[in-house]
Amino acid sequence: MYVVFRCDCGRAMYSREDVAQKKCVCGKTFKIKSRRIIAKTEDAQLASEKVRELQEEKYGGAYFTTADKM
């Protein structure tokens, strides 16, 4: 079972339910049991898709461009 939650910086993350601590890319380490769980999924692929949806909801869709168009 996997859980989806947010860091204090706003980044959505997922982890296995039995993991005690997780470290965000912002550098903050926190206990997963103390976080508000947004969703629970059966496998990592579904958790990854949920995280992607939450990130796009907050920050907008990802897009790619070439250097000459910047």
C-alpha atoms as a PDB file:
ATOM      1  CA  MET A   1       0.000   0.000   0.000  1.00  0.00           C
ATOM      2  CA  TYR A   2       1.275   3.485  -0.908  1.00  0.00           C
ATOM      3  CA  VAL A   3       0.271   6.848   0.551  1.00  0.00           C
ATOM      4  CA  VAL A   4       0.248  10.244  -1.158  1.00  0.00           C
ATOM      5  CA  PHE A   5       0.885  13.405   0.882  1.00  0.00           C
ATOM      6  CA  ARG A   6       2.359  16.910   0.613  1.00  0.00           C
ATOM      7  CA  CYS A   7       5.495  18.414   2.072  1.00  0.00           C
ATOM      8  CA  ASP A   8       5.355  21.810   3.783  1.00  0.00           C
ATOM      9  CA  CYS A   9       6.892  23.306   0.621  1.00  0.00           C
ATOM     10  CA  GLY A  10       3.832  22.139  -1.351  1.00  0.00           C
ATOM     11  CA  ARG A  11       5.389  19.293  -3.305  1.00  0.00           C
ATOM     12  CA  ALA A  12       3.245  16.172  -3.579  1.00  0.00           C
ATOM     13  CA  MET A  13       5.050  12.952  -2.701  1.00  0.00           C
ATOM     14  CA  TYR A  14       4.337   9.271  -2.218  1.00  0.00           C
ATOM     15  CA  SER A  15       5.854   6.521  -0.141  1.00  0.00           C
ATOM     16  CA  ARG A  16       5.162   2.996   1.020  1.00  0.00           C
ATOM     17  CA  GLU A  17       2.853   2.967   4.000  1.00  0.00           C
ATOM     18  CA  ASP A  18       5.361   1.128   6.221  1.00  0.00           C
ATOM     19  CA  VAL A  19       8.149   3.708   5.793  1.00  0.00           C
ATOM     20  CA  ALA A  20       8.718   5.858   8.891  1.00  0.00           C
ATOM     21  CA  GLN A  21      10.462   8.949   7.445  1.00  0.00           C
ATOM     22  CA  LYS A  22      10.769  10.647   4.082  1.00  0.00           C
ATOM     23  CA  LYS A  23      13.029  13.449   2.865  1.00  0.00           C
ATOM     24  CA  CYS A  24      11.730  15.987   0.362  1.00  0.00           C
ATOM     25  CA  VAL A  25      13.903  17.535  -2.346  1.00  0.00           C
ATOM     26  CA  CYS A  26      13.595  20.844  -0.438  1.00  0.00           C
ATOM     27  CA  GLY A  27      15.659  19.238   2.346  1.00  0.00           C
ATOM     28  CA  LYS A  28      12.975  18.789   5.004  1.00  0.00           C
ATOM     29  CA  THR A  29      12.743  15.389   6.692  1.00  0.00           C
ATOM     30  CA  PHE A  30       9.458  14.449   8.320  1.00  0.00           C
ATOM     31  CA  LYS A  31       7.561  11.513   9.767  1.00  0.00           C
ATOM     32  CA  ILE A  32       4.967  10.147   7.363  1.00  0.00           C
ATOM     33  CA  LYS A  33       2.519   9.191  10.119  1.00  0.00           C
ATOM     34  CA  SER A  34       2.243  12.846  11.153  1.00  0.00           C
ATOM     35  CA  ARG A  35       1.329  13.997   7.610  1.00  0.00           C
ATOM     36  CA  ARG A  36      -2.218  14.371   6.287  1.00  0.00           C
ATOM     37  CA  ILE A  37      -2.718  11.530   3.787  1.00  0.00           C
ATOM     38  CA  ILE A  38      -4.291  12.728   0.529  1.00  0.00           C
ATOM     39  CA  ALA A  39      -4.744   9.316  -1.098  1.00  0.00           C
ATOM     40  CA  LYS A  40      -3.914   5.621  -0.701  1.00  0.00           C
ATOM     41  CA  THR A  41      -3.144   3.353  -3.649  1.00  0.00           C
ATOM     42  CA  GLU A  42      -2.309  -0.303  -4.164  1.00  0.00           C
ATOM     43  CA  ASP A  43       0.812   0.117  -6.307  1.00  0.00           C
ATOM     44  CA  ALA A  44       3.577   2.624  -6.999  1.00  0.00           C
ATOM     45  CA  GLN A  45       2.419   3.406 -10.540  1.00  0.00           C
ATOM     46  CA  LEU A  46      -0.994   4.618  -9.349  1.00  0.00           C
ATOM     47  CA  ALA A  47       0.668   6.653  -6.586  1.00  0.00           C
ATOM     48  CA  SER A  48       3.007   8.227  -9.136  1.00  0.00           C
ATOM     49  CA  GLU A  49       0.081   9.173 -11.379  1.00  0.00           C
ATOM     50  CA  LYS A  50      -1.754  10.746  -8.434  1.00  0.00           C
ATOM     51  CA  VAL A  51       1.335  12.773  -7.508  1.00  0.00           C
ATOM     52  CA  ARG A  52       1.622  13.932 -11.123  1.00  0.00           C
ATOM     53  CA  GLU A  53      -2.035  15.035 -11.094  1.00  0.00           C
ATOM     54  CA  LEU A  54      -1.563  16.966  -7.842  1.00  0.00           C
ATOM     55  CA  GLN A  55       1.600  18.676  -9.109  1.00  0.00           C
ATOM     56  CA  GLU A  56      -0.096  19.706 -12.364  1.00  0.00           C
ATOM     57  CA  GLU A  57      -3.107  20.971 -10.403  1.00  0.00           C
ATOM     58  CA  LYS A  58      -0.908  23.195  -8.238  1.00  0.00           C
ATOM     59  CA  TYR A  59       1.806  24.279 -10.694  1.00  0.00           C
ATOM     60  CA  GLY A  60       0.183  23.781 -14.101  1.00  0.00           C
ATOM     61  CA  GLY A  61       0.986  21.233 -16.781  1.00  0.00           C
ATOM     62  CA  ALA A  62       4.509  20.367 -17.750  1.00  0.00           C
ATOM     63  CA  TYR A  63       5.643  21.472 -21.154  1.00  0.00           C
ATOM     64  CA  PHE A  64       8.885  21.195 -23.048  1.00  0.00           C
ATOM     65  CA  THR A  65      10.423  23.636 -25.488  1.00  0.00           C
ATOM     66  CA  THR A  66      13.693  24.140 -27.310  1.00  0.00           C
ATOM     67  CA  ALA A  67      16.329  26.680 -26.305  1.00  0.00           C
ATOM     68  CA  ASP A  68      15.756  28.843 -29.401  1.00  0.00           C
ATOM     69  CA  LYS A  69      12.141  29.511 -28.322  1.00  0.00           C
ATOM     70  CA  MET A  70      13.011  30.802 -24.863  1.00  0.00           C
END
